[in-house]
Amino acid sequence: MYTEELPPHDDEAEEAVLGSLLISNDEIPHVSLTLGVDDFFRQKHGWVYGAILELYQRGDAVNQISTADELNRTGRLEDMGGLGFLSHLIATVPTSVYASNYAKVVKGKSLQRQLIKFGANVAEIGFKGEEEPDGMLRRVEAGLAAISARPSRGPEPISAPLERFLEDSPRDGRKSGVQTGIADLDNMTGGFIGGQVVVLAAATSAGKSALAKDISMNVAAAGKRVAFFSVEMSETENVARILARESSVGLSRVLKGPWSEQEEAKIMRSAGAVAEYPLHLKSSGDLTIQSLRSQARMVRQEHGLDLIVVDYLQLIKAVDTRQNRVAQVTEVTHGLKALAMDLNVPLLALAQLNREFEKRPSKAPILSDLRESGSIEQDADVVLLLYRPELYYTEEEWMRTSEEPYPRGMAQVNVAKQRNGPLGVFDLIFREETATFRSLARPETQLEGVLR
């Protein structure tokens, strides 16, 4: 005789959780961070838990009588089993001490059921095939992300974050953030801090990808673990730029050859050195915020992670592509900020500027030049605007309007937003042949003159 197997569940654990909460209200805030009403397999258990949460959120005492009254108010008391069932729940546990342990068991069974349902939904999506492949993958990624989202931790005593801060404090002048290797940038920001989103924005072909790679390589060379996600360039382009930077062989030569014996020796030596760096590279033209989150978590779990770099954010796909463009970018920027906060890792996101600045007499970018700028500026903790004047002015045009020398091979970085530090502009040297930037290594004491 065939007997239908029930989905994974544990009735005893569910009853023990509810009995514990009816015995002691003190356990409710801890358990509520782990369990939702839908985590209970038995509907009547979910009703009781929902009544307990409702009472607690109203500030009412939670006990057998008040819970029965709340269930009666919603018309569920008799269907649930009445006062007799609530008495049974209390009798199942002698103490509430193990409420959190019971809750973990219930949550684990709930996760198993969600995975079973998720698998069935994936199979249905695959069999029906009613969407484009990209759309089907985005739905699958979104479903998996919803399951893997961890419940938030409640507020903790101030002593814990104080201890973490003091352990890594700058009391001796040592900068606590991830150092970028760009002297002026590190002096102004103190380095990139866990949970921060740093936006590096520039016009097309101004060098934002090159500067991001310089920062990534500097960080990795210092032994910090970097995950670089490139949506704009292929694996070949990314690797070629890295080798050109490290070997000082021109990018065109690295990509197209032929290599001289000396160039080959430099490239191979650089390849050997870079292979030892804790740098993880992903080149994909189809990156969603869900897949980015999953892959970043995987890198952190397997190797550790100190910096995430995304090139660039407007190319990351939103889950719902039917939204208007601003709404899609907002979804992505919110997702990037949530990822940085969740992993407690700084995230450097590149961004494209719109072309409105080209209509102004001054081509130096400002915050409002960020394409779909509202959410980008809002979610960013730091905004860096990269500007290379030589892209917009010939030497003759420059000399007609400025008394300064023509800025050949020069770039400016405007720290246009910084929640916890000064704003200001600093200069970099750009070497076009290798697509690399070099810091002027200005001493920290001289920075005061450029801050504004």
Protein backbone atom coordinates (compact mmCIF):
# COMPACT_ATOMS: atom_id res chain seq x y z
CA MET A 1 0.00 0.00 0.00
CA TYR A 2 1.38 3.40 -1.01
CA THR A 3 1.74 5.96 1.77
CA GLU A 4 2.45 9.57 0.85
CA GLU A 5 5.55 10.83 2.67
CA LEU A 6 5.10 14.12 4.48
CA PRO A 7 7.62 16.94 3.95
CA PRO A 8 10.36 17.28 6.60
CA HIS A 9 9.02 18.56 9.90
CA ASP A 10 9.32 18.04 13.65
CA ASP A 11 6.07 18.36 15.56
CA GLU A 12 7.75 17.96 18.94
CA ALA A 13 10.21 20.81 18.25
CA GLU A 14 7.40 23.07 17.05
CA GLU A 15 5.36 22.39 20.17
CA ALA A 16 8.42 22.84 22.39
CA VAL A 17 9.09 26.29 20.90
CA LEU A 18 5.52 27.41 21.50
CA GLY A 19 5.44 25.97 25.02
CA SER A 20 8.69 27.77 25.86
CA LEU A 21 7.31 31.10 24.67
CA LEU A 22 4.11 30.66 26.67
CA ILE A 23 6.21 29.95 29.76
CA SER A 24 8.69 32.84 29.32
CA ASN A 25 8.20 36.05 27.35
CA ASP A 26 11.96 36.67 27.62
CA GLU A 27 12.64 34.16 24.85
CA ILE A 28 10.29 35.77 22.32
CA PRO A 29 12.73 38.40 20.92
CA HIS A 30 15.45 35.77 20.41
CA VAL A 31 13.18 33.24 18.73
CA SER A 32 11.48 35.88 16.56
CA LEU A 33 14.83 36.66 14.92
CA THR A 34 15.02 33.04 13.76
CA LEU A 35 11.45 31.99 13.03
CA GLY A 36 8.58 33.38 11.02
CA VAL A 37 4.99 32.15 11.07
CA ASP A 38 5.54 30.29 7.78
CA ASP A 39 8.41 28.26 9.28
CA PHE A 40 5.89 26.08 11.16
CA PHE A 41 4.69 23.00 9.31
CA ARG A 42 1.43 22.61 11.25
CA GLN A 43 -0.96 25.43 10.47
CA LYS A 44 -2.31 25.52 14.01
CA HIS A 45 1.24 25.94 15.34
CA GLY A 46 1.69 28.91 13.02
CA TRP A 47 -1.57 30.41 14.32
CA VAL A 48 -0.39 30.15 17.91
CA TYR A 49 3.01 31.64 17.05
CA GLY A 50 1.36 34.49 15.15
CA ALA A 51 -0.87 35.25 18.16
CA ILE A 52 2.17 35.26 20.47
CA LEU A 53 4.02 37.70 18.20
CA GLU A 54 0.98 39.96 17.92
CA LEU A 55 0.62 40.15 21.69
CA TYR A 56 4.31 40.79 22.17
CA GLN A 57 4.42 43.54 19.55
CA ARG A 58 1.48 45.28 21.25
CA GLY A 59 3.31 45.15 24.57
CA ASP A 60 0.76 42.79 26.14
CA ALA A 61 1.69 39.93 28.45
CA VAL A 62 1.97 36.58 26.67
CA ASN A 63 0.47 33.60 28.53
CA GLN A 64 -2.07 30.87 28.02
CA ILE A 65 -5.08 33.10 28.72
CA SER A 66 -4.01 36.11 26.62
CA THR A 67 -2.99 33.88 23.73
CA ALA A 68 -6.34 32.08 23.83
CA ASP A 69 -8.11 35.45 23.82
CA GLU A 70 -6.08 36.64 20.79
CA LEU A 71 -6.84 33.41 18.91
CA ASN A 72 -10.51 33.77 19.78
CA ARG A 73 -10.46 37.34 18.47
CA THR A 74 -9.21 36.09 15.11
CA GLY A 75 -11.69 33.19 15.06
CA ARG A 76 -9.06 30.46 15.27
CA LEU A 77 -9.23 29.29 18.87
CA GLU A 78 -11.58 26.33 18.37
CA ASP A 79 -9.95 25.23 15.08
CA MET A 80 -6.57 25.32 16.82
CA GLY A 81 -7.73 23.06 19.63
CA GLY A 82 -8.84 25.51 22.31
CA LEU A 83 -7.43 26.05 25.78
CA GLY A 84 -6.75 22.35 26.08
CA PHE A 85 -4.17 22.47 23.28
CA LEU A 86 -2.44 25.50 24.81
CA SER A 87 -2.24 23.59 28.12
CA HIS A 88 -0.70 20.68 26.20
CA LEU A 89 1.95 23.00 24.72
CA ILE A 90 2.96 24.28 28.15
CA ALA A 91 3.12 20.72 29.51
CA THR A 92 5.55 19.62 26.76
CA VAL A 93 8.48 21.60 28.19
CA PRO A 94 9.62 21.91 31.80
CA THR A 95 11.69 25.03 31.09
CA SER A 96 12.12 27.69 28.39
CA VAL A 97 15.92 27.60 28.52
CA TYR A 98 16.23 25.63 25.29
CA ALA A 99 13.78 27.69 23.22
CA SER A 100 16.47 28.89 20.80
CA ASN A 101 17.65 25.30 20.25
CA TYR A 102 14.12 24.15 19.44
CA ALA A 103 13.77 27.13 17.10
CA LYS A 104 16.89 26.09 15.17
CA VAL A 105 15.42 22.62 14.63
CA VAL A 106 12.16 24.11 13.35
CA LYS A 107 14.08 26.49 11.07
CA GLY A 108 16.16 23.65 9.68
CA LYS A 109 13.08 21.64 8.74
CA SER A 110 11.53 24.74 7.22
CA LEU A 111 14.64 25.24 5.08
CA GLN A 112 14.40 21.65 3.86
CA ARG A 113 10.79 22.20 2.81
CA GLN A 114 11.69 25.45 1.05
CA LEU A 115 14.43 23.66 -0.90
CA ILE A 116 12.02 20.94 -1.95
CA LYS A 117 9.51 23.53 -3.12
CA PHE A 118 12.27 25.51 -4.82
CA GLY A 119 13.43 22.41 -6.69
CA ALA A 120 9.88 21.72 -7.89
CA ASN A 121 9.53 25.33 -9.05
CA VAL A 122 12.84 25.13 -10.93
CA ALA A 123 11.66 21.95 -12.65
CA GLU A 124 8.37 23.62 -13.60
CA ILE A 125 10.17 26.66 -15.01
CA GLY A 126 12.42 24.37 -17.04
CA PHE A 127 9.61 22.18 -18.38
CA LYS A 128 7.36 25.07 -19.36
CA GLY A 129 10.10 27.17 -20.97
CA GLU A 130 7.75 30.14 -21.29
CA GLU A 131 10.49 32.77 -20.83
CA GLU A 132 13.81 33.67 -22.36
CA PRO A 133 16.73 31.73 -20.81
CA ASP A 134 18.02 34.84 -19.04
CA GLY A 135 14.63 35.48 -17.50
CA MET A 136 14.36 31.90 -16.26
CA LEU A 137 17.82 32.07 -14.68
CA ARG A 138 17.01 35.34 -12.95
CA ARG A 139 13.86 33.80 -11.45
CA VAL A 140 15.86 30.83 -10.20
CA GLU A 141 18.58 33.06 -8.73
CA ALA A 142 15.98 35.25 -7.02
CA GLY A 143 14.31 32.21 -5.48
CA LEU A 144 17.59 30.83 -4.18
CA ALA A 145 18.59 34.23 -2.80
CA ALA A 146 15.30 34.45 -0.90
CA ILE A 147 15.96 31.07 0.71
CA SER A 148 19.59 31.81 1.57
CA ALA A 149 18.85 35.21 3.11
CA ARG A 150 19.79 34.97 6.75
CA PRO A 151 17.65 36.47 9.50
CA SER A 152 19.07 39.72 10.82
CA ARG A 153 20.80 39.80 14.16
CA GLY A 154 19.22 41.98 16.78
CA PRO A 155 20.97 44.89 18.49
CA GLU A 156 23.83 43.83 20.76
CA PRO A 157 25.38 45.43 23.84
CA ILE A 158 27.58 48.39 22.88
CA SER A 159 30.56 46.62 24.49
CA ALA A 160 30.79 44.19 21.54
CA PRO A 161 31.13 46.76 18.70
CA LEU A 162 33.36 48.88 20.97
CA GLU A 163 35.72 45.95 21.41
CA ARG A 164 35.80 45.25 17.65
CA PHE A 165 36.53 48.91 16.90
CA LEU A 166 39.32 49.20 19.46
CA GLU A 167 40.96 45.99 18.26
CA ASP A 168 41.45 47.58 14.84
CA SER A 169 41.68 51.23 15.91
CA PRO A 170 44.00 53.82 14.33
CA ARG A 171 45.45 54.82 17.72
CA ASP A 172 49.01 54.40 16.45
CA GLY A 173 48.35 56.22 13.18
CA ARG A 174 47.82 52.97 11.31
CA LYS A 175 44.87 53.25 8.92
CA SER A 176 42.19 50.70 9.75
CA GLY A 177 40.57 50.43 6.31
CA VAL A 178 41.71 48.44 3.28
CA GLN A 179 44.55 50.47 1.77
CA THR A 180 44.20 51.17 -1.95
CA GLY A 181 47.86 51.93 -2.62
CA ILE A 182 46.85 55.39 -3.89
CA ALA A 183 48.55 57.60 -1.30
CA ASP A 184 46.29 60.64 -1.48
CA LEU A 185 43.15 58.52 -1.53
CA ASP A 186 44.26 56.53 1.52
CA ASN A 187 45.17 59.74 3.35
CA MET A 188 41.76 61.24 2.72
CA THR A 189 39.64 58.17 3.41
CA GLY A 190 41.78 56.13 5.78
CA GLY A 191 41.18 53.21 3.39
CA PHE A 192 37.98 51.45 2.41
CA ILE A 193 35.99 50.23 5.44
CA GLY A 194 33.86 47.10 5.73
CA GLY A 195 30.23 47.72 4.78
CA GLN A 196 31.07 50.75 2.64
CA VAL A 197 30.04 51.18 -0.99
CA VAL A 198 32.61 53.29 -2.82
CA VAL A 199 31.51 54.49 -6.26
CA LEU A 200 34.19 55.34 -8.81
CA ALA A 201 32.52 57.23 -11.65
CA ALA A 202 33.86 58.55 -14.93
CA ALA A 203 32.91 59.14 -18.54
CA THR A 204 33.45 56.46 -21.18
CA SER A 205 37.14 55.68 -21.82
CA ALA A 206 38.35 57.95 -19.02
CA GLY A 207 40.08 55.06 -17.27
CA LYS A 208 37.78 53.98 -14.45
CA SER A 209 38.38 50.28 -15.19
CA ALA A 210 42.13 50.88 -15.25
CA LEU A 211 42.07 52.69 -11.90
CA ALA A 212 39.90 49.96 -10.38
CA LYS A 213 42.41 47.34 -11.52
CA ASP A 214 45.27 49.38 -10.07
CA ILE A 215 43.49 49.49 -6.73
CA SER A 216 42.63 45.79 -6.90
CA MET A 217 46.21 44.80 -7.69
CA ASN A 218 47.60 47.04 -4.97
CA VAL A 219 45.25 45.49 -2.43
CA ALA A 220 45.98 41.93 -3.58
CA ALA A 221 49.74 42.57 -3.62
CA ALA A 222 49.45 43.54 0.05
CA GLY A 223 47.98 40.11 0.81
CA LYS A 224 44.34 41.21 1.00
CA ARG A 225 41.73 39.03 -0.71
CA VAL A 226 39.93 40.61 -3.66
CA ALA A 227 36.97 39.48 -5.78
CA PHE A 228 36.82 41.39 -9.09
CA PHE A 229 33.59 41.08 -11.10
CA SER A 230 33.83 42.47 -14.64
CA VAL A 231 30.66 42.85 -16.67
CA GLU A 232 32.20 45.08 -19.33
CA MET A 233 35.40 43.29 -20.38
CA SER A 234 36.23 39.74 -21.37
CA GLU A 235 38.59 37.51 -19.43
CA THR A 236 41.27 38.05 -22.09
CA GLU A 237 41.04 41.84 -21.82
CA ASN A 238 41.14 41.77 -18.03
CA VAL A 239 44.14 39.45 -17.85
CA ALA A 240 45.98 41.42 -20.54
CA ARG A 241 45.50 44.66 -18.62
CA ILE A 242 46.79 43.05 -15.45
CA LEU A 243 49.88 41.71 -17.20
CA ALA A 244 50.53 45.05 -18.92
CA ARG A 245 50.37 46.79 -15.57
CA GLU A 246 52.65 44.35 -13.79
CA SER A 247 55.20 43.90 -16.59
CA SER A 248 55.24 47.50 -17.92
CA VAL A 249 54.86 46.06 -21.42
CA GLY A 250 52.43 48.04 -23.56
CA LEU A 251 48.84 46.79 -23.49
CA SER A 252 48.66 46.59 -27.28
CA ARG A 253 51.81 44.42 -27.35
CA VAL A 254 50.48 42.14 -24.62
CA LEU A 255 47.21 41.65 -26.50
CA LYS A 256 48.42 41.48 -30.10
CA GLY A 257 52.14 40.63 -29.94
CA PRO A 258 54.58 39.68 -31.19
CA TRP A 259 56.59 39.65 -27.96
CA SER A 260 60.30 40.20 -27.98
CA GLU A 261 62.38 37.90 -25.80
CA GLN A 262 62.70 40.65 -23.21
CA GLU A 263 58.95 41.36 -23.24
CA GLU A 264 58.11 37.68 -22.95
CA ALA A 265 60.45 37.33 -19.97
CA LYS A 266 58.78 40.30 -18.26
CA ILE A 267 55.27 39.02 -18.98
CA MET A 268 56.00 35.48 -17.82
CA ARG A 269 57.71 36.71 -14.67
CA SER A 270 54.73 38.95 -13.92
CA ALA A 271 52.28 36.11 -14.62
CA GLY A 272 54.08 33.94 -12.08
CA ALA A 273 53.90 36.67 -9.45
CA VAL A 274 50.24 37.55 -10.11
CA ALA A 275 49.25 33.87 -9.96
CA GLU A 276 50.14 33.92 -6.26
CA TYR A 277 47.97 36.96 -5.49
CA PRO A 278 44.71 36.35 -3.55
CA LEU A 279 42.75 37.82 -6.47
CA HIS A 280 39.61 36.15 -7.83
CA LEU A 281 38.40 37.26 -11.26
CA LYS A 282 34.98 36.76 -12.81
CA SER A 283 34.28 38.04 -16.31
CA SER A 284 30.63 37.77 -17.30
CA GLY A 285 28.38 39.83 -19.51
CA ASP A 286 25.29 38.54 -17.71
CA LEU A 287 25.65 39.31 -14.01
CA THR A 288 22.63 39.74 -11.76
CA ILE A 289 22.63 41.12 -8.24
CA GLN A 290 21.58 37.66 -6.99
CA SER A 291 24.44 35.83 -8.73
CA LEU A 292 26.89 38.50 -7.54
CA ARG A 293 25.71 37.99 -3.96
CA SER A 294 25.99 34.19 -4.23
CA GLN A 295 29.44 34.25 -5.80
CA ALA A 296 30.82 36.81 -3.34
CA ARG A 297 29.57 34.72 -0.43
CA MET A 298 31.17 31.64 -1.95
CA VAL A 299 34.53 33.39 -2.27
CA ARG A 300 34.36 34.59 1.31
CA GLN A 301 33.43 31.15 2.59
CA GLU A 302 36.18 29.34 0.68
CA HIS A 303 39.02 31.89 0.68
CA GLY A 304 38.08 34.89 2.83
CA LEU A 305 37.32 38.31 1.36
CA ASP A 306 38.58 41.85 1.99
CA LEU A 307 37.36 43.80 -1.08
CA ILE A 308 34.72 43.39 -3.78
CA VAL A 309 35.08 45.27 -7.08
CA VAL A 310 32.27 45.54 -9.64
CA ASP A 311 32.89 46.92 -13.15
CA TYR A 312 30.36 48.41 -13.62
CA LEU A 313 27.07 48.76 -11.73
CA GLN A 314 24.78 49.98 -14.52
CA LEU A 315 25.48 46.74 -16.41
CA ILE A 316 24.31 44.51 -13.55
CA LYS A 317 20.85 43.17 -14.31
CA ALA A 318 17.91 43.66 -11.99
CA VAL A 319 15.55 40.80 -11.19
CA ASP A 320 12.55 42.55 -12.73
CA THR A 321 13.66 44.00 -16.06
CA ARG A 322 10.13 45.27 -16.72
CA GLN A 323 10.77 48.17 -14.34
CA ASN A 324 11.93 51.51 -15.73
CA ARG A 325 15.66 52.05 -15.86
CA VAL A 326 15.88 54.20 -12.72
CA ALA A 327 13.99 51.56 -10.70
CA GLN A 328 16.32 48.82 -11.99
CA VAL A 329 19.44 50.77 -11.02
CA THR A 330 17.89 51.50 -7.63
CA GLU A 331 17.36 47.78 -7.09
CA VAL A 332 21.01 47.11 -7.99
CA THR A 333 22.48 49.84 -5.77
CA HIS A 334 20.34 48.75 -2.82
CA GLY A 335 21.53 45.20 -3.44
CA LEU A 336 25.20 46.26 -3.52
CA LYS A 337 24.84 48.15 -0.25
CA ALA A 338 23.08 45.20 1.38
CA LEU A 339 25.85 42.86 0.17
CA ALA A 340 28.62 45.09 1.56
CA MET A 341 26.83 45.36 4.89
CA ASP A 342 26.00 41.67 5.08
CA LEU A 343 29.58 40.53 4.40
CA ASN A 344 31.13 43.51 6.24
CA VAL A 345 33.42 44.03 3.23
CA PRO A 346 34.04 47.27 1.29
CA LEU A 347 32.62 47.23 -2.22
CA LEU A 348 34.10 49.36 -5.01
CA ALA A 349 31.48 49.86 -7.74
CA LEU A 350 32.31 51.58 -11.00
CA ALA A 351 29.67 53.80 -12.57
CA GLN A 352 29.15 55.52 -15.89
CA LEU A 353 28.53 59.26 -16.11
CA ASN A 354 25.88 60.68 -18.40
CA ARG A 355 27.00 63.00 -21.17
CA GLU A 356 25.37 66.19 -19.88
CA PHE A 357 28.72 67.43 -18.55
CA GLU A 358 30.02 67.67 -22.12
CA LYS A 359 27.61 70.58 -22.70
CA ARG A 360 29.15 72.63 -19.89
CA PRO A 361 32.15 74.91 -20.35
CA SER A 362 33.91 73.00 -17.56
CA LYS A 363 34.08 69.28 -18.28
CA ALA A 364 34.97 68.33 -14.71
CA PRO A 365 32.21 65.96 -13.54
CA ILE A 366 29.92 66.63 -10.59
CA LEU A 367 27.65 64.33 -8.58
CA SER A 368 24.55 65.03 -10.67
CA ASP A 369 26.38 63.67 -13.73
CA LEU A 370 25.96 60.14 -12.43
CA ARG A 371 23.68 58.28 -14.81
CA GLU A 372 20.44 57.34 -13.00
CA SER A 373 22.17 59.18 -10.17
CA GLY A 374 19.54 59.29 -7.42
CA SER A 375 20.05 55.87 -5.87
CA ILE A 376 23.75 55.68 -6.76
CA GLU A 377 24.57 58.83 -4.84
CA GLN A 378 22.22 57.90 -2.00
CA ASP A 379 23.57 54.37 -1.42
CA ALA A 380 27.24 55.30 -1.84
CA ASP A 381 29.31 56.09 1.24
CA VAL A 382 32.09 57.55 -0.90
CA VAL A 383 31.89 58.90 -4.46
CA LEU A 384 35.06 59.37 -6.51
CA LEU A 385 34.81 61.28 -9.80
CA LEU A 386 37.66 60.61 -12.24
CA TYR A 387 38.52 63.30 -14.79
CA ARG A 388 41.20 63.53 -17.51
CA PRO A 389 41.19 67.03 -19.02
CA GLU A 390 43.27 66.03 -22.05
CA LEU A 391 40.31 64.03 -23.35
CA TYR A 392 38.31 67.25 -23.84
CA TYR A 393 40.87 69.94 -24.64
CA THR A 394 43.65 70.11 -27.18
CA GLU A 395 46.83 71.78 -26.00
CA GLU A 396 45.97 74.85 -28.03
CA GLU A 397 42.46 75.11 -26.52
CA TRP A 398 43.83 74.65 -23.02
CA MET A 399 46.45 77.35 -23.33
CA ARG A 400 43.85 79.85 -24.56
CA THR A 401 41.76 79.46 -21.41
CA SER A 402 44.21 78.49 -18.66
CA GLU A 403 47.50 79.68 -17.25
CA GLU A 404 48.28 76.19 -15.95
CA PRO A 405 50.52 73.81 -17.96
CA TYR A 406 48.72 71.45 -20.31
CA PRO A 407 47.75 68.38 -18.22
CA ARG A 408 49.16 65.75 -20.56
CA GLY A 409 49.07 62.35 -18.90
CA MET A 410 47.37 63.79 -15.82
CA ALA A 411 44.12 62.85 -14.12
CA GLN A 412 42.13 64.31 -11.27
CA VAL A 413 40.10 62.40 -8.70
CA ASN A 414 37.42 64.39 -6.92
CA VAL A 415 36.30 62.91 -3.60
CA ALA A 416 32.86 64.41 -4.12
CA LYS A 417 31.10 62.58 -1.30
CA GLN A 418 32.42 61.01 1.88
CA ARG A 419 30.20 60.31 4.86
CA ASN A 420 33.02 60.21 7.38
CA GLY A 421 35.76 62.41 5.99
CA PRO A 422 36.83 65.45 4.00
CA LEU A 423 36.09 66.25 0.38
CA GLY A 424 38.84 67.27 -1.99
CA VAL A 425 40.69 66.77 -5.26
CA PHE A 426 44.00 65.04 -5.89
CA ASP A 427 46.06 64.31 -8.99
CA LEU A 428 47.25 61.07 -10.57
CA ILE A 429 49.61 60.32 -13.44
CA PHE A 430 48.12 58.23 -16.25
CA ARG A 431 50.29 56.06 -18.46
CA GLU A 432 48.22 55.34 -21.55
CA GLU A 433 50.53 52.68 -22.98
CA THR A 434 49.88 50.31 -20.07
CA ALA A 435 46.51 51.79 -19.02
CA THR A 436 47.73 52.42 -15.48
CA PHE A 437 47.60 55.22 -12.95
CA ARG A 438 50.35 56.21 -10.58
CA SER A 439 50.03 58.20 -7.40
CA LEU A 440 52.02 61.38 -6.98
CA ALA A 441 52.67 60.09 -3.45
CA ARG A 442 51.99 63.48 -1.95
CA PRO A 443 52.76 63.49 1.80
CA GLU A 444 49.72 63.57 4.06
CA THR A 445 50.72 66.93 5.54
CA GLN A 446 50.44 68.61 2.14
CA LEU A 447 46.85 67.49 1.60
CA GLU A 448 45.35 70.39 3.51
CA GLY A 449 45.89 72.67 0.55
CA VAL A 450 43.60 70.67 -1.73
CA LEU A 451 40.75 69.97 0.66
CA ARG A 452 37.63 72.00 0.22
